[in-house]
Amino acid sequence: MSDLKERAARMKTELQAKLQPVELVIRDDSKRHAHHAGRNGIEGDETHFTISIVSDRFGGMNRVARHRLVNELLKPEFASGLHALSLSLSAPGEE
């Protein structure tokens, strides 16, 4: 497997399967939020991520619809401790 931890690896698998992205980057920002709400103080706890996705699936969708789609796909992760996402979502050819 890759160097991604468990939650990140699950998110990658789900997003690749459902969105078939041409680009997918997942960055764990949890350490930067160690003392924020949603953290339980455990080292390595995966709670905050930045995700960048380029997918044909986003074509014709507005920004809100794209975010809703990704949040819905990752709903089980939010239910199990994911606290926050920073998303950059586009269709191929968009800047």
N, C-alpha and C. Protein backbone atom coordinates (compact mmCIF):
# COMPACT_ATOMS: atom_id res chain seq x y z
N MET A 1 0.84 -1.18 0.00
CA MET A 1 0.00 0.00 0.00
C MET A 1 0.89 1.24 0.00
N SER A 2 0.30 2.41 -0.06
CA SER A 2 1.05 3.67 -0.09
C SER A 2 1.44 4.08 1.32
N ASP A 3 2.00 5.28 1.45
CA ASP A 3 2.38 5.79 2.76
C ASP A 3 1.21 6.47 3.46
N LEU A 4 0.02 6.43 2.89
CA LEU A 4 -1.16 7.02 3.53
C LEU A 4 -1.58 6.17 4.72
N LYS A 5 -2.06 6.83 5.76
CA LYS A 5 -2.56 6.13 6.93
C LYS A 5 -3.95 5.61 6.63
N GLU A 6 -4.54 4.95 7.61
CA GLU A 6 -5.80 4.25 7.39
C GLU A 6 -6.93 5.11 6.85
N ARG A 7 -7.27 6.22 7.52
CA ARG A 7 -8.40 7.03 7.06
C ARG A 7 -8.12 7.60 5.66
N ALA A 8 -6.91 8.11 5.48
CA ALA A 8 -6.55 8.67 4.19
C ALA A 8 -6.62 7.61 3.09
N ALA A 9 -6.18 6.41 3.39
CA ALA A 9 -6.24 5.32 2.41
C ALA A 9 -7.68 4.95 2.08
N ARG A 10 -8.55 4.92 3.09
CA ARG A 10 -9.98 4.63 2.84
C ARG A 10 -10.60 5.72 1.99
N MET A 11 -10.29 6.98 2.31
CA MET A 11 -10.85 8.09 1.53
C MET A 11 -10.36 8.01 0.08
N LYS A 12 -9.10 7.72 -0.11
CA LYS A 12 -8.54 7.61 -1.46
C LYS A 12 -9.26 6.52 -2.25
N THR A 13 -9.46 5.37 -1.63
CA THR A 13 -10.14 4.25 -2.29
C THR A 13 -11.56 4.64 -2.70
N GLU A 14 -12.29 5.27 -1.77
CA GLU A 14 -13.68 5.67 -2.04
C GLU A 14 -13.76 6.73 -3.14
N LEU A 15 -12.91 7.74 -3.05
CA LEU A 15 -12.95 8.82 -4.03
C LEU A 15 -12.52 8.34 -5.42
N GLN A 16 -11.54 7.46 -5.48
CA GLN A 16 -11.12 6.92 -6.78
C GLN A 16 -12.23 6.07 -7.40
N ALA A 17 -12.89 5.27 -6.58
CA ALA A 17 -13.95 4.39 -7.10
C ALA A 17 -15.15 5.18 -7.59
N LYS A 18 -15.55 6.21 -6.86
CA LYS A 18 -16.78 6.93 -7.19
C LYS A 18 -16.59 8.09 -8.15
N LEU A 19 -15.40 8.70 -8.14
CA LEU A 19 -15.18 9.89 -8.97
C LEU A 19 -14.24 9.64 -10.14
N GLN A 20 -13.53 8.53 -10.14
CA GLN A 20 -12.56 8.21 -11.20
C GLN A 20 -11.76 9.45 -11.60
N PRO A 21 -11.07 10.03 -10.63
CA PRO A 21 -10.36 11.29 -10.89
C PRO A 21 -9.15 11.12 -11.81
N VAL A 22 -8.84 12.18 -12.54
CA VAL A 22 -7.60 12.21 -13.31
C VAL A 22 -6.48 12.71 -12.40
N GLU A 23 -6.85 13.34 -11.29
CA GLU A 23 -5.90 13.78 -10.29
C GLU A 23 -6.55 13.72 -8.92
N LEU A 24 -5.82 13.16 -7.95
CA LEU A 24 -6.32 13.08 -6.58
C LEU A 24 -5.13 13.24 -5.64
N VAL A 25 -5.17 14.28 -4.82
CA VAL A 25 -4.12 14.53 -3.84
C VAL A 25 -4.78 14.67 -2.48
N ILE A 26 -4.30 13.88 -1.52
CA ILE A 26 -4.82 13.93 -0.15
C ILE A 26 -3.66 14.26 0.78
N ARG A 27 -3.83 15.34 1.54
CA ARG A 27 -2.79 15.74 2.49
C ARG A 27 -3.39 15.77 3.90
N ASP A 28 -2.74 15.08 4.82
CA ASP A 28 -3.17 15.05 6.21
C ASP A 28 -2.62 16.29 6.92
N ASP A 29 -3.52 17.17 7.35
CA ASP A 29 -3.16 18.40 8.05
C ASP A 29 -3.42 18.30 9.55
N SER A 30 -3.65 17.12 10.05
CA SER A 30 -4.08 16.94 11.43
C SER A 30 -3.10 17.51 12.44
N LYS A 31 -1.81 17.37 12.22
CA LYS A 31 -0.83 17.88 13.18
C LYS A 31 -0.94 19.39 13.36
N ARG A 32 -1.32 20.09 12.30
CA ARG A 32 -1.47 21.55 12.37
C ARG A 32 -2.66 21.95 13.23
N HIS A 33 -3.55 21.00 13.53
CA HIS A 33 -4.77 21.28 14.28
C HIS A 33 -4.82 20.51 15.59
N ALA A 34 -3.66 20.17 16.12
CA ALA A 34 -3.57 19.30 17.30
C ALA A 34 -4.34 19.83 18.51
N HIS A 35 -4.48 21.13 18.64
CA HIS A 35 -5.16 21.68 19.80
C HIS A 35 -6.53 22.27 19.47
N HIS A 36 -7.05 21.97 18.31
CA HIS A 36 -8.36 22.48 17.89
C HIS A 36 -9.47 21.51 18.28
N ALA A 37 -10.70 22.01 18.22
CA ALA A 37 -11.86 21.16 18.45
C ALA A 37 -11.86 20.03 17.43
N GLY A 38 -12.30 18.87 17.85
CA GLY A 38 -12.35 17.73 16.94
C GLY A 38 -11.13 16.85 17.04
N ARG A 39 -10.16 17.28 17.82
CA ARG A 39 -8.95 16.47 18.04
C ARG A 39 -9.03 15.88 19.43
N ASN A 40 -8.58 14.68 19.60
CA ASN A 40 -8.59 14.09 20.92
C ASN A 40 -7.20 14.00 21.53
N GLY A 41 -6.23 14.64 20.90
CA GLY A 41 -4.89 14.69 21.45
C GLY A 41 -4.03 13.48 21.16
N ILE A 42 -4.54 12.49 20.48
CA ILE A 42 -3.77 11.29 20.16
C ILE A 42 -2.92 11.55 18.94
N GLU A 43 -1.63 11.31 19.06
CA GLU A 43 -0.72 11.49 17.94
C GLU A 43 -1.13 10.59 16.78
N GLY A 44 -1.12 11.13 15.58
CA GLY A 44 -1.46 10.34 14.40
C GLY A 44 -2.94 10.27 14.10
N ASP A 45 -3.77 10.88 14.93
CA ASP A 45 -5.21 10.88 14.71
C ASP A 45 -5.52 11.66 13.44
N GLU A 46 -6.19 11.04 12.51
CA GLU A 46 -6.47 11.65 11.20
C GLU A 46 -7.81 12.38 11.23
N THR A 47 -7.76 13.69 11.43
CA THR A 47 -9.00 14.46 11.58
C THR A 47 -9.17 15.59 10.58
N HIS A 48 -8.08 16.14 10.06
CA HIS A 48 -8.12 17.30 9.16
C HIS A 48 -7.34 17.00 7.89
N PHE A 49 -7.98 17.24 6.74
CA PHE A 49 -7.33 16.94 5.46
C PHE A 49 -7.56 18.05 4.45
N THR A 50 -6.61 18.19 3.55
CA THR A 50 -6.77 18.99 2.34
C THR A 50 -6.82 18.00 1.19
N ILE A 51 -7.86 18.11 0.37
CA ILE A 51 -8.03 17.19 -0.75
C ILE A 51 -8.23 17.99 -2.03
N SER A 52 -7.48 17.61 -3.05
CA SER A 52 -7.60 18.22 -4.37
C SER A 52 -8.01 17.12 -5.35
N ILE A 53 -9.09 17.37 -6.09
CA ILE A 53 -9.60 16.37 -7.03
C ILE A 53 -9.92 17.05 -8.36
N VAL A 54 -9.47 16.43 -9.44
CA VAL A 54 -9.87 16.81 -10.79
C VAL A 54 -10.59 15.60 -11.36
N SER A 55 -11.86 15.78 -11.71
CA SER A 55 -12.67 14.67 -12.18
C SER A 55 -13.71 15.13 -13.20
N ASP A 56 -13.92 14.33 -14.21
CA ASP A 56 -14.99 14.60 -15.19
C ASP A 56 -16.35 14.64 -14.50
N ARG A 57 -16.48 13.95 -13.38
CA ARG A 57 -17.74 13.88 -12.65
C ARG A 57 -18.21 15.27 -12.21
N PHE A 58 -17.28 16.21 -12.04
CA PHE A 58 -17.63 17.56 -11.60
C PHE A 58 -18.11 18.47 -12.73
N GLY A 59 -17.99 18.02 -13.98
CA GLY A 59 -18.43 18.82 -15.11
C GLY A 59 -19.91 19.18 -14.99
N GLY A 60 -20.23 20.45 -15.14
CA GLY A 60 -21.62 20.90 -15.07
C GLY A 60 -22.15 21.08 -13.66
N MET A 61 -21.34 20.81 -12.66
CA MET A 61 -21.76 20.97 -11.27
C MET A 61 -21.19 22.29 -10.73
N ASN A 62 -21.99 22.97 -9.92
CA ASN A 62 -21.46 24.17 -9.27
C ASN A 62 -20.63 23.77 -8.05
N ARG A 63 -19.97 24.76 -7.47
CA ARG A 63 -19.05 24.52 -6.35
C ARG A 63 -19.75 23.84 -5.18
N VAL A 64 -20.93 24.29 -4.82
CA VAL A 64 -21.66 23.72 -3.69
C VAL A 64 -22.03 22.26 -3.95
N ALA A 65 -22.49 21.96 -5.15
CA ALA A 65 -22.85 20.58 -5.49
C ALA A 65 -21.64 19.66 -5.43
N ARG A 66 -20.49 20.15 -5.86
CA ARG A 66 -19.26 19.35 -5.81
C ARG A 66 -18.89 19.03 -4.36
N HIS A 67 -18.96 20.05 -3.52
CA HIS A 67 -18.62 19.85 -2.10
C HIS A 67 -19.61 18.90 -1.43
N ARG A 68 -20.87 19.06 -1.75
CA ARG A 68 -21.89 18.15 -1.17
C ARG A 68 -21.63 16.71 -1.59
N LEU A 69 -21.27 16.51 -2.84
CA LEU A 69 -20.99 15.16 -3.34
C LEU A 69 -19.83 14.53 -2.57
N VAL A 70 -18.73 15.25 -2.44
CA VAL A 70 -17.57 14.71 -1.74
C VAL A 70 -17.89 14.47 -0.27
N ASN A 71 -18.58 15.41 0.37
CA ASN A 71 -18.95 15.23 1.77
C ASN A 71 -19.85 14.01 1.95
N GLU A 72 -20.75 13.78 1.02
CA GLU A 72 -21.64 12.61 1.11
C GLU A 72 -20.83 11.32 0.93
N LEU A 73 -19.89 11.31 -0.01
CA LEU A 73 -19.06 10.12 -0.21
C LEU A 73 -18.23 9.80 1.03
N LEU A 74 -17.85 10.82 1.76
CA LEU A 74 -17.01 10.62 2.94
C LEU A 74 -17.79 10.66 4.26
N LYS A 75 -19.10 10.56 4.17
CA LYS A 75 -19.97 10.60 5.35
C LYS A 75 -19.56 9.58 6.43
N PRO A 76 -19.22 8.35 6.06
CA PRO A 76 -18.79 7.39 7.09
C PRO A 76 -17.52 7.85 7.83
N GLU A 77 -16.66 8.56 7.14
CA GLU A 77 -15.44 9.05 7.79
C GLU A 77 -15.77 10.17 8.78
N PHE A 78 -16.70 11.05 8.42
CA PHE A 78 -17.13 12.09 9.35
C PHE A 78 -17.76 11.45 10.59
N ALA A 79 -18.51 10.38 10.40
CA ALA A 79 -19.16 9.69 11.51
C ALA A 79 -18.15 9.02 12.44
N SER A 80 -16.95 8.75 11.94
CA SER A 80 -15.96 8.04 12.75
C SER A 80 -14.76 8.91 13.16
N GLY A 81 -14.91 10.25 13.08
CA GLY A 81 -13.87 11.10 13.61
C GLY A 81 -13.25 12.12 12.67
N LEU A 82 -13.52 12.03 11.38
CA LEU A 82 -13.04 13.08 10.47
C LEU A 82 -13.71 14.38 10.88
N HIS A 83 -12.93 15.44 11.04
CA HIS A 83 -13.48 16.70 11.55
C HIS A 83 -13.61 17.77 10.47
N ALA A 84 -12.61 17.88 9.57
CA ALA A 84 -12.64 18.98 8.62
C ALA A 84 -11.91 18.64 7.33
N LEU A 85 -12.46 19.17 6.24
CA LEU A 85 -11.84 19.03 4.92
C LEU A 85 -11.68 20.41 4.31
N SER A 86 -10.56 20.60 3.63
CA SER A 86 -10.37 21.75 2.76
C SER A 86 -10.33 21.16 1.36
N LEU A 87 -11.28 21.56 0.52
CA LEU A 87 -11.44 20.93 -0.79
C LEU A 87 -11.14 21.87 -1.94
N SER A 88 -10.45 21.34 -2.93
CA SER A 88 -10.26 21.99 -4.21
C SER A 88 -10.76 21.00 -5.25
N LEU A 89 -11.91 21.31 -5.88
CA LEU A 89 -12.61 20.37 -6.75
C LEU A 89 -12.83 21.00 -8.11
N SER A 90 -12.38 20.34 -9.17
CA SER A 90 -12.57 20.88 -10.50
C SER A 90 -12.74 19.78 -11.53
N ALA A 91 -13.25 20.17 -12.67
CA ALA A 91 -13.32 19.28 -13.84
C ALA A 91 -12.07 19.52 -14.67
N PRO A 92 -11.67 18.56 -15.48
CA PRO A 92 -10.49 18.77 -16.33
C PRO A 92 -10.65 20.03 -17.18
N GLY A 93 -9.56 20.79 -17.28
CA GLY A 93 -9.57 22.01 -18.07
C GLY A 93 -9.98 23.25 -17.30
N GLU A 94 -10.53 23.09 -16.11
CA GLU A 94 -10.86 24.24 -15.27
C GLU A 94 -9.63 24.64 -14.48
N GLU A 95 -9.57 25.92 -14.13
CA GLU A 95 -8.45 26.38 -13.30
C GLU A 95 -8.87 26.56 -11.88
